Structure formats: structure tokens, C-alpha cells
Amino acid sequence: MSKRNENRPGYKKSKAGWIPDKWESNGFSAIAKIEMGQSPNGKSYNTEGIGYPLINGPTEFTERYPIKKQWTSSPTKICNSGDILLCVRGSSTGRMNIANDKYCIGRGVAAICHKDKKSYSIFIEQLLISITTRILTLTTGSTFPNIDKNTLSSIPVGVPPLPEQEKIAEILSAWNRAIEQVGKLIDAKQRLKKGLMQQLLTGRMRFPEFDHGIHGIHGKKKDELPEGWKNKTLGSFGLFSKGKGISNSEKRGTGFPCITYGEIYTRHEFVIKEFHSFIDKDTAQKSQRIQKGDIIFAGSGETLDEIGKCVAYTQDEEAYAGGDIIIFRPKGVDSVYVSYLLNSDLLIRQKRKLGQGYSVVHIYSSGLKILHVPLPSLPEQTRIASVLSTCDREIELLRRKEIALREQKKGLMQKLLTGKVRHPEFLKEGRA
């Protein structure tokens, strides 16, 4: 029997918490249809587009819509376009995306849609997002977490009448559109920056103050450097050294800043702007210090395309490099320009040839020092670096705006889906 909230008339206590009187409290399956996936015979898999595209686990949950990597000619469970796809097995349990086509879903995936078309899909999607934490707490299996259909179905949720579902869906859809619009601006800005990198770092596009019309945009042949540019090997204008091992147990919340090779991939793009790890004085004394202007390379990675990822250190603060890091100390160049150049497609193609290993790919200073890099004059290097850095700052501002919108939507969603905040239409007399 429901218990009324004496301090807040119009609300009642339920398994889903305090909800408005007009709302119902049911298990999730009362409002949503849940279809658990079933993996097809492995012999039916193909990459030729025969049959149905296959979603067989968490690897397809990296984008808003599934990535079509393989197909099956013997489909088992089928989802429809518009269905909400939930990862129910492995480390990605709880992650979601939306089917934009008919797919065959494997056992690591559940397809969820409105039940009997009496609810709104966007409402169900947002409701599912709101119970993600609950889903994660109900998973079983320590090494390979998963959640079954019965457990997912029984999670209690507050369900408003259809008209209120529609209003909630409209409000949250507006936030989704705003977030999506910022995402499109980020994508456009990233494409612009990539195009500028391809043009500026090869001399195909030059600033008027550096282009004297001899070998400018229209004057030079393909792969020919502009007037005044030089093709040098990396080792010809700097020295290499190695970082020294810093174990996880030696990291601290405060102290001397340090960078680990993994953070080069996950925390930094072209320039180290802030540190996320620190060490004490004793550890610092046995570690390798880095200096302003150094280029910091990751010595290992998972793929040939990412091997040799590097960032420039442009601060004066005392800092240190951990193990599996290669430090390059250049002379007479703009280190930010060199960082952009070394992470460009032009140099990635060269670094791919230097990678060694299979499950873990390594790169060494002996290979890096023979990389061929096109160098304009120092003033032109600085000008190019400034333009690309401006692009990065604009992208960063957009990313912060996107994060802020997501956080605002998250807070609003939590209030709307629990009835703490309601549309004015449903606060009128007789509808509370």
C-alpha cells in the first residue's frame, strides 16, 4: 500500500521512491519491451554485407549509432531501427546507443523499445539512462559482469501518464538537440583543423608574409618544399633521452607533477596543459626531469597508427617523465609546431613503419631520430603553431559547453523522471 508524503501533498512512497500520486510504480518491463540478444553461428559471420549487420558485444558501442563491422547470414534475434540498444555483458555493461537499421543482436546486447506503442521512445531512453547506476549495481560476475532479463525487467521505475511522458520527452529532446548541435560544431571545427594541418604543415598553404610567390600554393610541385623550407631528420636538431619508471604506488595526489606514457594517449593531445599525476621528493630524485620545450613520446601502444604519439611541454614548472617514455629535446625550433607535425598524417605514415611488436607495439629513439620532418623558418613555425593552437582552444571551449549541457540535462532528467520537477500543466488542480 502506498504511503502519502505528509510534508508534500500529492506524492506517495513507492518502490521507485517518492513519486506523484498520478504516477504508477512498476518494474521496467511494464513500460518497455526487452529483447535479449542471441549470438548466431560463428560460421555465418562475414564482412561482405551478406544478411544482417551484427551487434555482438561492447565494441559496437563507441558511437551514438552502431558501427557496422560484420554481418551474419543466419540471424537470430532482430532489432528494429529506433530501438534502444543496451550492452548487458562485459566492462561496457550499461552503455547504450540507438539502432539506425535492422540488426542481428548477439548475447551481449539487449534491444529495448516502447511496449505496445503506448509510451514514447525518447522517454524510455531517458528513463533507461536514469537507472544506469542501478543496472551496474545489479550486475553479477566479478570478472565478466552481466545483467539478465529478469533483473533488468524488475528494476522499479516511476511511470507518469502518457501525456506527461510526452511533455518530459519534449523537454529532454530539446536538450538533446542542443547537445547534438554543439557536437556538430565540434566535428566541423575538428575537420577544419585537420584540413589546416594538412595544408600548413606541408607548405601547401602559407601566410602572405612568408610566401614570396616563388614556390607558394600554386608554384610548387607535389611533395616539393616551399622556398626556405628544409627537410631534416628529427635527430639532427635535438637529443633523445628516456623517462624512468614511476609505479602506480608511487603516485600521489599532490607533489611534483609527472606524466606517464598512458596519459599521453588519454589526457593530452598536442600540448601538456595540466598534470594529473604527482610524485613525492624521493621518487622525483630517481626519475627523469623534463624541461620546457621537450617533446614527450609514448614508447609503446596498442596499434601502429597510435605508436609514437607525442606532446610538447611548454611550462617552466618542475616535472618528471615515467617509464616507457622517450624525451626529445629540440634546439632552434618551435616545439609546439614540432608536436603538431609529429602527430600529423605525414609523420604518422613514417612512424607506422618503425613500430615493432604485435599485441603491444614499441617504438625507439633509434627509429624516431631518422624521421624526416619539413621545417620552415622559426617565425613561420610559430605562426603555424599559433593558428592550430587557436583551433584547439576553440574546440576545447565547445567541448566544455557540451559537458555543461550534458550535466545540466542530467540534473534536469533526474528531477523530471522522479517527479521532483513537473511541467506546469500537470501541477494544475486535480492533476498533481
Protein backbone atom coordinates (compact mmCIF):
# COMPACT_ATOMS: atom_id res chain seq x y z
CA MET A 1 0.00 0.00 0.00
CA SER A 2 1.35 3.40 -0.98
CA LYS A 3 2.29 5.84 1.75
CA ARG A 4 1.40 9.53 1.34
CA ASN A 5 4.01 12.22 1.85
CA GLU A 6 2.53 14.40 4.60
CA ASN A 7 5.15 17.08 4.04
CA ARG A 8 4.47 17.26 0.33
CA PRO A 9 0.84 16.67 -0.63
CA GLY A 10 0.28 14.95 -3.96
CA TYR A 11 3.19 12.49 -3.57
CA LYS A 12 3.36 8.88 -2.45
CA LYS A 13 6.08 6.45 -1.40
CA SER A 14 6.76 3.57 -3.82
CA LYS A 15 9.46 1.07 -4.67
CA ALA A 16 10.79 3.69 -7.06
CA GLY A 17 10.91 6.29 -4.28
CA TRP A 18 8.61 9.27 -3.76
CA ILE A 19 6.52 9.85 -6.92
CA PRO A 20 3.44 11.95 -7.78
CA ASP A 21 0.06 10.42 -6.87
CA LYS A 22 -0.98 10.07 -10.51
CA TRP A 23 2.15 8.10 -11.37
CA GLU A 24 2.47 4.32 -11.23
CA SER A 25 5.38 2.34 -9.84
CA ASN A 26 6.24 -0.74 -11.86
CA GLY A 27 9.13 -2.85 -12.97
CA PHE A 28 10.91 -1.52 -16.06
CA SER A 29 9.33 -4.20 -18.29
CA ALA A 30 5.86 -2.78 -17.56
CA ILE A 31 6.67 0.15 -19.82
CA ALA A 32 9.37 -1.29 -22.09
CA LYS A 33 9.73 -4.38 -24.25
CA ILE A 34 13.09 -6.06 -23.66
CA GLU A 35 14.59 -8.43 -26.24
CA MET A 36 17.81 -10.14 -25.16
CA GLY A 37 20.22 -10.99 -27.95
CA GLN A 38 21.34 -14.42 -29.09
CA SER A 39 24.60 -14.89 -30.96
CA PRO A 40 24.34 -16.58 -34.37
CA ASN A 41 26.57 -19.37 -35.58
CA GLY A 42 30.09 -18.04 -35.95
CA LYS A 43 30.39 -19.62 -39.40
CA SER A 44 27.74 -17.21 -40.68
CA TYR A 45 29.85 -14.12 -39.94
CA ASN A 46 31.06 -12.14 -42.94
CA THR A 47 32.33 -8.70 -43.91
CA GLU A 48 30.72 -8.63 -47.36
CA GLY A 49 27.36 -7.27 -46.21
CA ILE A 50 25.52 -10.59 -46.60
CA GLY A 51 22.44 -10.85 -44.36
CA TYR A 52 22.04 -8.54 -41.35
CA PRO A 53 24.66 -6.30 -39.73
CA LEU A 54 25.69 -7.86 -36.43
CA ILE A 55 26.00 -6.31 -32.98
CA ASN A 56 27.70 -8.90 -30.86
CA GLY A 57 29.15 -7.03 -27.91
CA PRO A 58 30.57 -3.82 -26.48
CA THR A 59 32.94 -2.98 -29.36
CA GLU A 60 29.99 -1.63 -31.35
CA PHE A 61 29.10 0.86 -28.59
CA THR A 62 31.72 3.52 -29.34
CA GLU A 63 29.37 5.86 -31.22
CA ARG A 64 25.80 7.16 -30.98
CA TYR A 65 24.86 4.64 -33.66
CA PRO A 66 26.33 1.14 -34.06
CA ILE A 67 29.40 0.66 -36.22
CA LYS A 68 28.79 -1.89 -38.94
CA LYS A 69 31.84 -4.16 -38.90
CA GLN A 70 30.45 -7.58 -39.72
CA TRP A 71 27.28 -9.29 -40.88
CA THR A 72 25.59 -12.65 -40.36
CA SER A 73 23.77 -14.69 -42.96
CA SER A 74 21.96 -16.64 -40.20
CA PRO A 75 20.34 -14.01 -37.97
CA THR A 76 18.89 -14.97 -34.59
CA LYS A 77 17.30 -12.04 -32.69
CA ILE A 78 16.49 -8.93 -34.73
CA CYS A 79 16.11 -5.36 -33.52
CA ASN A 80 14.39 -2.57 -35.44
CA SER A 81 15.52 0.91 -36.36
CA GLY A 82 14.90 3.21 -33.40
CA ASP A 83 15.33 0.51 -30.76
CA ILE A 84 17.50 1.37 -27.77
CA LEU A 85 20.50 -0.95 -27.61
CA LEU A 86 21.90 -1.74 -24.17
CA CYS A 87 25.18 -3.55 -23.55
CA VAL A 88 24.42 -6.21 -20.92
CA ARG A 89 27.74 -8.07 -20.69
CA GLY A 90 31.37 -7.14 -20.04
CA SER A 91 33.09 -3.94 -18.99
CA SER A 92 30.78 -1.83 -21.19
CA THR A 93 27.60 -3.00 -19.42
CA GLY A 94 25.17 -0.10 -19.18
CA ARG A 95 26.37 1.68 -22.30
CA MET A 96 23.74 2.49 -24.93
CA ASN A 97 23.21 3.57 -28.48
CA ILE A 98 20.35 3.64 -30.98
CA ALA A 99 19.71 1.22 -33.84
CA ASN A 100 19.60 3.10 -37.14
CA ASP A 101 18.78 -0.05 -39.11
CA LYS A 102 17.67 -3.61 -38.56
CA TYR A 103 20.45 -5.56 -36.82
CA CYS A 104 21.03 -9.06 -35.55
CA ILE A 105 21.83 -8.71 -31.84
CA GLY A 106 24.20 -11.11 -30.09
CA ARG A 107 24.03 -12.24 -26.48
CA GLY A 108 25.91 -9.21 -25.17
CA VAL A 109 23.14 -6.84 -26.27
CA ALA A 110 19.52 -6.14 -25.35
CA ALA A 111 17.14 -4.28 -27.68
CA ILE A 112 14.59 -2.13 -25.84
CA CYS A 113 11.56 -0.32 -27.23
CA HIS A 114 8.24 1.04 -26.04
CA LYS A 115 5.73 -1.61 -25.03
CA ASP A 116 2.61 -1.89 -27.22
CA LYS A 117 3.42 1.58 -28.59
CA LYS A 118 1.79 3.17 -25.55
CA SER A 119 4.89 5.01 -24.39
CA TYR A 120 7.33 7.40 -26.02
CA SER A 121 10.71 6.02 -27.11
CA ILE A 122 12.61 9.12 -26.07
CA PHE A 123 11.01 8.88 -22.62
CA ILE A 124 12.06 5.24 -22.29
CA GLU A 125 15.58 6.05 -23.46
CA GLN A 126 15.96 8.78 -20.86
CA LEU A 127 14.39 6.56 -18.20
CA LEU A 128 16.93 3.86 -19.04
CA ILE A 129 19.77 6.36 -18.77
CA SER A 130 18.48 7.43 -15.36
CA ILE A 131 18.69 3.86 -13.99
CA THR A 132 22.15 3.09 -15.42
CA THR A 133 23.73 3.24 -11.95
CA ARG A 134 21.11 0.83 -10.67
CA ILE A 135 21.84 -1.51 -13.58
CA LEU A 136 25.55 -1.54 -12.72
CA THR A 137 24.87 -2.34 -9.05
CA LEU A 138 22.72 -5.32 -10.07
CA THR A 139 25.25 -6.97 -12.39
CA THR A 140 26.64 -10.36 -11.42
CA GLY A 141 30.05 -11.88 -12.12
CA SER A 142 33.28 -10.41 -10.79
CA THR A 143 35.48 -10.95 -13.85
CA PHE A 144 32.76 -10.63 -16.51
CA PRO A 145 29.82 -8.56 -15.24
CA ASN A 146 26.40 -9.09 -16.79
CA ILE A 147 22.73 -8.46 -16.13
CA ASP A 148 19.91 -10.85 -17.10
CA LYS A 149 16.45 -10.05 -18.44
CA ASN A 150 14.57 -10.80 -15.22
CA THR A 151 16.78 -8.47 -13.18
CA LEU A 152 16.56 -5.70 -15.77
CA SER A 153 12.79 -6.15 -16.07
CA SER A 154 12.19 -5.86 -12.34
CA ILE A 155 14.04 -2.58 -11.70
CA PRO A 156 11.36 -0.29 -10.23
CA VAL A 157 10.62 2.93 -12.09
CA GLY A 158 8.07 5.69 -11.73
CA VAL A 159 5.75 5.86 -14.74
CA PRO A 160 3.71 9.02 -15.39
CA PRO A 161 0.57 9.05 -17.56
CA LEU A 162 1.17 9.22 -21.32
CA PRO A 163 0.52 12.98 -21.66
CA GLU A 164 3.18 13.72 -19.04
CA GLN A 165 5.56 11.24 -20.66
CA GLU A 166 5.14 13.22 -23.86
CA LYS A 167 5.96 16.53 -22.18
CA ILE A 168 9.01 15.08 -20.44
CA ALA A 169 10.15 13.62 -23.77
CA GLU A 170 9.73 17.02 -25.45
CA ILE A 171 11.78 18.82 -22.80
CA LEU A 172 14.64 16.31 -22.83
CA SER A 173 14.58 16.16 -26.64
CA ALA A 174 15.23 19.92 -26.70
CA TRP A 175 18.35 19.37 -24.57
CA ASN A 176 19.42 16.51 -26.82
CA ARG A 177 19.13 18.79 -29.85
CA ALA A 178 21.26 21.44 -28.17
CA ILE A 179 23.92 18.86 -27.26
CA GLU A 180 23.82 17.41 -30.77
CA GLN A 181 24.24 20.87 -32.30
CA VAL A 182 27.35 21.56 -30.21
CA GLY A 183 28.66 18.13 -31.20
CA LYS A 184 28.26 19.05 -34.87
CA LEU A 185 30.15 22.30 -34.28
CA ILE A 186 32.98 20.32 -32.65
CA ASP A 187 33.10 17.91 -35.60
CA ALA A 188 33.16 20.81 -38.08
CA LYS A 189 35.93 22.58 -36.16
CA GLN A 190 37.97 19.36 -35.98
CA ARG A 191 37.61 18.84 -39.74
CA LEU A 192 38.71 22.42 -40.32
CA LYS A 193 41.74 21.95 -38.09
CA LYS A 194 42.68 18.69 -39.78
CA GLY A 195 42.49 20.38 -43.17
CA LEU A 196 44.63 23.27 -41.93
CA MET A 197 47.21 20.83 -40.55
CA GLN A 198 47.45 19.05 -43.91
CA GLN A 199 47.90 22.35 -45.74
CA LEU A 200 50.04 24.38 -43.33
CA LEU A 201 52.41 21.62 -42.18
CA THR A 202 53.33 20.73 -45.76
CA GLY A 203 53.61 24.29 -47.08
CA ARG A 204 50.69 23.87 -49.50
CA MET A 205 49.12 26.85 -47.77
CA ARG A 206 51.23 29.73 -46.50
CA PHE A 207 50.69 33.06 -44.84
CA PRO A 208 51.27 36.10 -47.09
CA GLU A 209 54.21 37.38 -45.03
CA PHE A 210 56.13 34.14 -45.70
CA ASP A 211 55.05 33.40 -49.29
CA HIS A 212 57.11 35.38 -51.78
CA GLY A 213 55.45 33.86 -54.83
CA ILE A 214 58.34 31.64 -55.90
CA HIS A 215 57.05 28.31 -54.61
CA GLY A 216 53.77 29.21 -52.95
CA ILE A 217 50.45 27.47 -53.11
CA HIS A 218 50.39 27.29 -56.90
CA GLY A 219 54.11 27.30 -57.60
CA LYS A 220 55.39 24.14 -56.01
CA LYS A 221 55.11 20.59 -57.23
CA LYS A 222 53.62 17.80 -55.15
CA ASP A 223 55.96 16.82 -52.29
CA GLU A 224 58.27 19.73 -53.11
CA LEU A 225 59.02 22.01 -50.17
CA PRO A 226 58.38 25.75 -50.46
CA GLU A 227 61.22 28.23 -50.77
CA GLY A 228 63.13 28.46 -47.50
CA TRP A 229 61.86 25.19 -46.04
CA LYS A 230 64.28 22.39 -45.15
CA ASN A 231 63.78 18.65 -44.89
CA LYS A 232 65.64 17.48 -41.79
CA THR A 233 65.84 14.32 -39.75
CA LEU A 234 64.48 14.63 -36.22
CA GLY A 235 67.80 13.60 -34.69
CA SER A 236 69.65 16.41 -36.49
CA PHE A 237 68.21 19.16 -34.30
CA GLY A 238 67.84 17.58 -30.87
CA LEU A 239 68.82 14.90 -28.37
CA PHE A 240 66.92 11.90 -27.03
CA SER A 241 66.69 10.53 -23.50
CA LYS A 242 64.44 8.14 -21.59
CA GLY A 243 61.94 8.53 -18.82
CA LYS A 244 62.32 6.46 -15.66
CA GLY A 245 59.77 4.12 -14.17
CA ILE A 246 57.16 5.57 -11.83
CA SER A 247 54.93 2.86 -10.35
CA ASN A 248 51.28 3.40 -9.52
CA SER A 249 52.08 3.02 -5.83
CA GLU A 250 54.47 5.98 -6.08
CA LYS A 251 51.83 8.36 -7.45
CA ARG A 252 50.37 10.92 -5.10
CA GLY A 253 47.52 13.40 -5.07
CA THR A 254 49.98 16.29 -4.71
CA GLY A 255 53.70 16.90 -5.07
CA PHE A 256 55.91 17.12 -8.14
CA PRO A 257 53.92 16.75 -11.39
CA CYS A 258 54.72 13.80 -13.63
CA ILE A 259 53.44 12.28 -16.85
CA THR A 260 53.05 8.58 -17.65
CA TYR A 261 53.03 7.12 -21.14
CA GLY A 262 49.36 6.13 -20.87
CA GLU A 263 48.38 9.73 -20.15
CA ILE A 264 49.90 10.81 -23.46
CA TYR A 265 47.08 8.87 -25.13
CA THR A 266 44.25 9.59 -22.69
CA ARG A 267 44.91 13.01 -21.17
CA HIS A 268 46.81 15.12 -23.69
CA GLU A 269 46.52 15.94 -27.37
CA PHE A 270 49.36 18.12 -28.65
CA VAL A 271 50.48 20.12 -25.61
CA ILE A 272 50.63 19.27 -21.88
CA LYS A 273 48.24 21.84 -20.38
CA GLU A 274 47.85 20.35 -16.90
CA PHE A 275 49.12 17.38 -14.93
CA HIS A 276 47.03 14.59 -13.47
CA SER A 277 49.70 12.61 -11.57
CA PHE A 278 52.21 13.61 -8.90
CA ILE A 279 55.18 12.10 -7.03
CA ASP A 280 56.99 12.89 -3.80
CA LYS A 281 60.53 14.25 -3.46
CA ASP A 282 62.19 10.83 -3.03
CA THR A 283 60.61 9.46 -6.22
CA ALA A 284 61.44 12.65 -8.11
CA GLN A 285 65.13 12.30 -7.27
CA LYS A 286 65.31 8.96 -9.10
CA SER A 287 63.06 9.99 -12.01
CA GLN A 288 63.84 11.82 -15.24
CA ARG A 289 63.08 15.54 -15.24
CA ILE A 290 61.60 17.20 -18.31
CA GLN A 291 62.20 20.79 -19.40
CA LYS A 292 60.28 23.50 -21.19
CA GLY A 293 60.34 22.78 -24.92
CA ASP A 294 60.71 18.99 -24.62
CA ILE A 295 58.70 16.64 -26.82
CA ILE A 296 57.40 13.63 -24.86
CA PHE A 297 56.78 10.40 -26.83
CA ALA A 298 54.88 7.29 -25.72
CA GLY A 299 57.27 4.40 -26.28
CA SER A 300 54.55 1.78 -26.71
CA GLY A 301 50.93 1.49 -27.77
CA GLU A 302 48.28 -0.91 -28.99
CA THR A 303 48.32 -0.12 -32.72
CA LEU A 304 50.76 1.04 -35.39
CA ASP A 305 48.64 4.13 -36.05
CA GLU A 306 48.97 5.41 -32.48
CA ILE A 307 52.59 4.46 -31.84
CA GLY A 308 54.88 7.42 -31.21
CA LYS A 309 52.07 9.72 -30.06
CA CYS A 310 53.74 12.76 -28.53
CA VAL A 311 53.03 16.03 -26.74
CA ALA A 312 55.02 19.22 -26.18
CA TYR A 313 55.87 20.50 -22.70
CA THR A 314 55.77 24.31 -22.70
CA GLN A 315 55.80 25.19 -18.99
CA ASP A 316 58.58 26.16 -16.57
CA GLU A 317 57.23 24.03 -13.71
CA GLU A 318 59.49 21.24 -12.45
CA ALA A 319 58.07 17.97 -13.80
CA TYR A 320 59.09 14.37 -14.46
CA ALA A 321 58.55 11.58 -17.02
CA GLY A 322 57.73 7.98 -16.15
CA GLY A 323 58.90 4.79 -17.80
CA ASP A 324 58.25 3.79 -21.43
CA ILE A 325 58.58 7.43 -22.39
CA ILE A 326 61.06 8.90 -24.88
CA ILE A 327 62.10 12.52 -24.32
CA PHE A 328 63.24 14.61 -27.27
CA ARG A 329 64.92 17.95 -26.50
CA PRO A 330 64.95 20.01 -29.73
CA LYS A 331 67.05 23.10 -30.45
CA GLY A 332 66.24 26.07 -32.64
CA VAL A 333 62.63 25.09 -33.36
CA ASP A 334 59.13 25.78 -32.02
CA SER A 335 58.28 22.66 -30.01
CA VAL A 336 54.52 23.18 -30.40
CA TYR A 337 54.92 23.25 -34.19
CA VAL A 338 57.03 20.07 -33.99
CA SER A 339 54.35 18.38 -31.85
CA TYR A 340 51.63 19.17 -34.40
CA LEU A 341 53.89 17.98 -37.19
CA LEU A 342 54.85 14.71 -35.47
CA ASN A 343 51.17 13.92 -34.84
CA SER A 344 50.09 14.75 -38.39
CA ASP A 345 49.22 12.19 -41.06
CA LEU A 346 52.51 12.93 -42.80
CA LEU A 347 54.59 11.70 -39.84
CA ILE A 348 52.15 9.00 -38.70
CA ARG A 349 52.79 7.25 -42.01
CA GLN A 350 56.52 7.30 -41.27
CA LYS A 351 56.13 6.16 -37.66
CA ARG A 352 53.96 3.20 -38.68
CA LYS A 353 56.97 1.72 -40.46
CA LEU A 354 59.01 1.94 -37.25
CA GLY A 355 56.59 0.12 -34.94
CA GLN A 356 57.76 -3.25 -33.61
CA GLY A 357 55.67 -5.95 -31.96
CA TYR A 358 52.14 -7.33 -32.24
CA SER A 359 49.91 -7.27 -29.14
CA VAL A 360 51.95 -4.30 -27.88
CA VAL A 361 53.74 -2.11 -30.43
CA HIS A 362 57.01 -0.38 -29.49
CA ILE A 363 59.00 2.46 -30.98
CA TYR A 364 62.55 3.53 -30.09
CA SER A 365 64.67 6.66 -30.30
CA SER A 366 66.86 4.94 -32.90
CA GLY A 367 63.85 4.98 -35.23
CA LEU A 368 62.48 8.36 -34.25
CA LYS A 369 65.76 10.15 -34.95
CA ILE A 370 65.60 9.24 -38.67
CA LEU A 371 62.10 10.66 -39.19
CA HIS A 372 62.06 13.25 -41.99
CA VAL A 373 60.40 16.50 -40.94
CA PRO A 374 59.73 19.59 -43.08
CA LEU A 375 60.83 22.75 -41.28
CA PRO A 376 60.05 26.33 -42.31
CA SER A 377 61.77 29.28 -40.66
CA LEU A 378 61.24 29.65 -36.91
CA PRO A 379 58.84 32.63 -37.30
CA GLU A 380 56.70 30.63 -39.74
CA GLN A 381 56.75 27.63 -37.40
CA THR A 382 55.48 29.84 -34.57
CA ARG A 383 52.78 31.36 -36.80
CA ILE A 384 51.52 27.93 -37.85
CA ALA A 385 51.56 26.67 -34.26
CA SER A 386 49.59 29.75 -33.15
CA VAL A 387 46.82 29.18 -35.71
CA LEU A 388 46.46 25.48 -34.85
CA SER A 389 46.54 26.25 -31.12
CA THR A 390 43.71 28.73 -31.63
CA CYS A 391 41.69 25.97 -33.28
CA ASP A 392 42.36 23.72 -30.30
CA ARG A 393 41.24 26.40 -27.85
CA GLU A 394 38.00 26.88 -29.78
CA ILE A 395 37.40 23.12 -29.79
CA GLU A 396 38.11 22.95 -26.07
CA LEU A 397 35.57 25.70 -25.36
CA LEU A 398 32.95 23.83 -27.37
CA ARG A 399 33.75 20.62 -25.51
CA ARG A 400 33.30 22.39 -22.19
CA LYS A 401 29.96 23.75 -23.40
CA GLU A 402 28.91 20.24 -24.41
CA ILE A 403 29.91 18.86 -21.00
CA ALA A 404 28.00 21.64 -19.25
CA LEU A 405 24.88 20.92 -21.32
CA ARG A 406 25.14 17.20 -20.53
CA GLU A 407 25.47 17.92 -16.82
CA GLN A 408 22.52 20.31 -16.90
CA LYS A 409 20.42 17.74 -18.77
CA LYS A 410 21.45 15.03 -16.30
CA GLY A 411 20.27 17.11 -13.36
CA LEU A 412 17.01 18.06 -15.07
CA MET A 413 16.40 14.47 -16.15
CA GLN A 414 16.84 13.19 -12.61
CA LYS A 415 14.21 15.66 -11.40
CA LEU A 416 11.74 15.15 -14.25
CA LEU A 417 11.89 11.35 -14.17
CA THR A 418 11.26 11.21 -10.43
CA GLY A 419 8.52 13.85 -10.43
CA LYS A 420 10.52 16.29 -8.29
CA VAL A 421 10.06 18.84 -11.07
CA ARG A 422 6.95 18.75 -13.22
CA HIS A 423 5.59 20.58 -16.22
CA PRO A 424 3.21 23.36 -15.07
CA GLU A 425 0.37 21.74 -16.99
CA PHE A 426 0.42 18.80 -14.57
CA LEU A 427 0.50 20.92 -11.45
CA LYS A 428 -2.96 22.25 -12.07
CA GLU A 429 -5.73 21.42 -9.67
CA GLY A 430 -6.73 17.81 -9.96
CA ARG A 431 -3.60 16.70 -11.83
CA ALA A 432 -0.93 16.80 -9.12
